[in-house]
Amino acid sequence: MIRTHKRALTVFLFFVLVGVAVSLGVAILKGPTGHTRESKGERSAVALTAPRRDLSADEKILLKTPPQSASETEKAAHFAVVNRLARTTEFLDLSTCFGNPLAFRVQEGAIFTIKNNDTVEHTLQISQKYLYTVAAKGERKLTANFGFGPGVYGYGCDNSPDARGILFVTK
């Protein structure tokens, strides 16, 4: 009878330890800030789903680049918002996977800096053609030449389904 209780206790402890191990594994995988790890390095799961702040009505318009089929009036209205909101700053901050400033004004051919203060690397995708990785706590220099001259270039971050900022390239 004592052996039966010892065996039952051993089986019970085994399953408790397995449960603890699984829970710890999930906690380690998610990390302390809700980030998940992918096989090609760390990516912020939060950055893809949670906006960094509430966007104003103009900022929402800014991030919705009109399609090629849009009317000239719609394109002109979008351009006016971009022109009004675009800022020239020392660098583009890509931390949290949203640009700061949201619309970054840069002269065509100029070299500019992208900074990433996050603890995970971010990949900037410009016009669904150009990919640039910015290391965690790092920076990267780029030349404002994306193949089409001056204009409005939307960009995503870490395969985001929508725009995370605008590069406004001027003459």
Protein backbone atom coordinates (compact mmCIF):
# COMPACT_ATOMS: atom_id res chain seq x y z
CA MET A 1 0.00 0.00 0.00
CA ILE A 2 2.83 2.40 0.79
CA ARG A 3 4.38 1.59 -2.59
CA THR A 4 1.10 2.49 -4.31
CA HIS A 5 1.03 5.87 -2.58
CA LYS A 6 4.71 6.49 -3.41
CA ARG A 7 4.06 5.62 -7.03
CA ALA A 8 0.98 7.89 -7.17
CA LEU A 9 2.98 10.70 -5.53
CA THR A 10 5.84 10.16 -8.00
CA VAL A 11 3.46 10.31 -10.99
CA PHE A 12 1.78 13.40 -9.55
CA LEU A 13 5.13 15.16 -9.01
CA PHE A 14 6.24 14.18 -12.51
CA PHE A 15 3.20 15.88 -14.06
CA VAL A 16 3.60 18.96 -11.84
CA LEU A 17 7.23 19.29 -12.91
CA VAL A 18 6.28 18.86 -16.59
CA GLY A 19 3.64 21.59 -16.18
CA VAL A 20 6.15 23.92 -14.54
CA ALA A 21 8.71 23.22 -17.28
CA VAL A 22 6.16 23.96 -20.03
CA SER A 23 5.08 27.18 -18.29
CA LEU A 24 8.69 28.31 -17.92
CA GLY A 25 9.38 27.48 -21.56
CA VAL A 26 6.44 29.63 -22.69
CA ALA A 27 7.54 32.47 -20.39
CA ILE A 28 11.10 32.34 -21.73
CA LEU A 29 9.87 32.24 -25.32
CA LYS A 30 7.64 35.28 -24.87
CA GLY A 31 10.21 37.23 -22.89
CA PRO A 32 9.51 39.90 -20.29
CA THR A 33 7.83 42.40 -22.67
CA GLY A 34 5.56 40.17 -24.72
CA HIS A 35 8.03 39.79 -27.57
CA THR A 36 8.34 36.49 -29.36
CA ARG A 37 11.49 35.05 -30.88
CA GLU A 38 11.64 33.92 -34.48
CA SER A 39 14.24 31.72 -36.12
CA LYS A 40 15.78 34.69 -37.98
CA GLY A 41 16.31 36.80 -34.85
CA GLU A 42 13.99 38.62 -32.55
CA ARG A 43 11.00 40.58 -33.80
CA SER A 44 8.58 42.61 -31.78
CA ALA A 45 5.13 41.02 -31.88
CA VAL A 46 3.72 44.04 -30.09
CA ALA A 47 5.08 46.46 -32.69
CA LEU A 48 3.05 44.87 -35.47
CA THR A 49 -0.28 45.10 -33.71
CA ALA A 50 -0.23 47.98 -31.26
CA PRO A 51 0.04 51.55 -32.50
CA ARG A 52 2.57 53.59 -30.55
CA ARG A 53 -0.10 56.21 -29.78
CA ASP A 54 -3.43 57.42 -31.00
CA LEU A 55 -3.04 58.96 -34.45
CA SER A 56 -4.68 62.23 -35.39
CA ALA A 57 -7.06 62.35 -38.35
CA ASP A 58 -4.32 63.93 -40.51
CA GLU A 59 -1.78 61.27 -39.47
CA LYS A 60 -4.23 58.54 -40.47
CA ILE A 61 -4.65 60.22 -43.88
CA LEU A 62 -0.86 60.53 -44.13
CA LEU A 63 -0.38 56.76 -43.70
CA LYS A 64 -3.05 55.85 -46.28
CA THR A 65 -1.26 56.49 -49.56
CA PRO A 66 -3.86 56.73 -52.35
CA PRO A 67 -3.80 53.91 -54.92
CA GLN A 68 -2.70 54.54 -58.51
CA SER A 69 -6.38 54.55 -59.50
CA ALA A 70 -7.19 57.47 -57.15
CA SER A 71 -8.36 60.74 -58.65
CA GLU A 72 -5.96 63.66 -59.01
CA THR A 73 -7.95 65.47 -56.31
CA GLU A 74 -7.40 62.60 -53.84
CA LYS A 75 -3.68 62.45 -54.69
CA ALA A 76 -3.32 66.22 -54.31
CA ALA A 77 -5.12 66.16 -50.93
CA HIS A 78 -2.81 63.41 -49.68
CA PHE A 79 0.26 65.28 -50.93
CA ALA A 80 -0.90 68.44 -49.11
CA VAL A 81 -1.17 66.52 -45.82
CA VAL A 82 2.27 64.97 -46.34
CA ASN A 83 3.80 68.35 -47.15
CA ARG A 84 2.21 69.94 -44.07
CA LEU A 85 3.18 67.17 -41.61
CA ALA A 86 6.65 66.24 -42.93
CA ARG A 87 9.52 67.24 -40.67
CA THR A 88 13.22 67.61 -41.33
CA THR A 89 15.09 66.19 -38.34
CA GLU A 90 18.59 64.96 -37.58
CA PHE A 91 17.51 61.31 -37.93
CA LEU A 92 14.51 59.03 -38.40
CA ASP A 93 13.76 57.08 -35.22
CA LEU A 94 12.33 53.63 -36.08
CA SER A 95 11.93 52.47 -32.47
CA THR A 96 8.61 50.69 -31.84
CA CYS A 97 8.37 50.19 -35.60
CA PHE A 98 6.69 53.57 -36.14
CA GLY A 99 8.67 56.41 -37.62
CA ASN A 100 9.40 59.49 -35.59
CA PRO A 101 8.74 61.85 -37.19
CA LEU A 102 5.87 60.03 -38.87
CA ALA A 103 6.63 61.91 -42.11
CA PHE A 104 10.38 62.41 -42.56
CA ARG A 105 11.44 65.08 -45.09
CA VAL A 106 14.78 64.47 -46.83
CA GLN A 107 16.39 65.91 -49.94
CA GLU A 108 16.93 63.57 -52.90
CA GLY A 109 20.43 62.09 -52.82
CA ALA A 110 21.05 63.18 -49.22
CA ILE A 111 22.43 60.70 -46.71
CA PHE A 112 20.24 60.29 -43.65
CA THR A 113 20.34 58.16 -40.51
CA ILE A 114 17.78 55.69 -39.21
CA LYS A 115 18.07 54.90 -35.51
CA ASN A 116 16.60 51.97 -33.62
CA ASN A 117 16.58 52.27 -29.83
CA ASP A 118 14.65 49.02 -29.34
CA THR A 119 16.23 45.84 -28.02
CA VAL A 120 15.29 44.01 -31.23
CA GLU A 121 16.36 44.68 -34.82
CA HIS A 122 13.82 46.13 -37.25
CA THR A 123 13.56 45.75 -41.02
CA LEU A 124 12.43 48.83 -42.93
CA GLN A 125 10.66 48.14 -46.23
CA ILE A 126 10.33 51.07 -48.61
CA SER A 127 7.77 50.93 -51.41
CA GLN A 128 7.62 47.14 -51.18
CA LYS A 129 11.00 47.00 -52.96
CA TYR A 130 13.89 48.07 -50.73
CA LEU A 131 14.68 46.26 -47.45
CA TYR A 132 17.04 47.66 -44.82
CA THR A 133 17.80 46.05 -41.47
CA VAL A 134 18.59 48.30 -38.52
CA ALA A 135 20.29 46.51 -35.63
CA ALA A 136 18.94 46.64 -32.09
CA LYS A 137 20.27 49.76 -30.34
CA GLY A 138 21.88 50.66 -33.67
CA GLU A 139 21.66 52.94 -36.63
CA ARG A 140 21.99 52.78 -40.38
CA LYS A 141 22.79 55.42 -42.98
CA LEU A 142 20.83 55.49 -46.24
CA THR A 143 20.89 57.62 -49.36
CA ALA A 144 17.53 59.12 -50.34
CA ASN A 145 17.41 57.55 -53.78
CA PHE A 146 14.66 54.99 -54.18
CA GLY A 147 14.43 54.79 -57.96
CA PHE A 148 11.64 57.23 -58.73
CA GLY A 149 13.10 60.61 -57.76
CA PRO A 150 11.38 63.08 -55.45
CA GLY A 151 8.04 61.96 -54.07
CA VAL A 152 6.17 60.29 -51.25
CA TYR A 153 7.47 56.87 -50.20
CA GLY A 154 5.49 54.87 -47.67
CA TYR A 155 7.39 52.35 -45.62
CA GLY A 156 6.58 49.38 -43.44
CA CYS A 157 8.45 47.80 -40.58
CA ASP A 158 9.00 44.11 -39.85
CA ASN A 159 6.49 42.97 -42.48
CA SER A 160 3.75 45.24 -41.14
CA PRO A 161 0.55 44.96 -43.16
CA ASP A 162 0.21 48.75 -43.33
CA ALA A 163 2.42 51.83 -43.60
CA ARG A 164 4.38 52.82 -40.50
CA GLY A 165 5.67 56.12 -41.82
CA ILE A 166 6.40 58.28 -44.86
CA LEU A 167 9.69 59.34 -46.46
CA PHE A 168 9.04 62.62 -48.26
CA VAL A 169 11.90 62.99 -50.75
CA THR A 170 12.25 66.54 -52.11
CA LYS A 171 14.44 68.22 -54.75
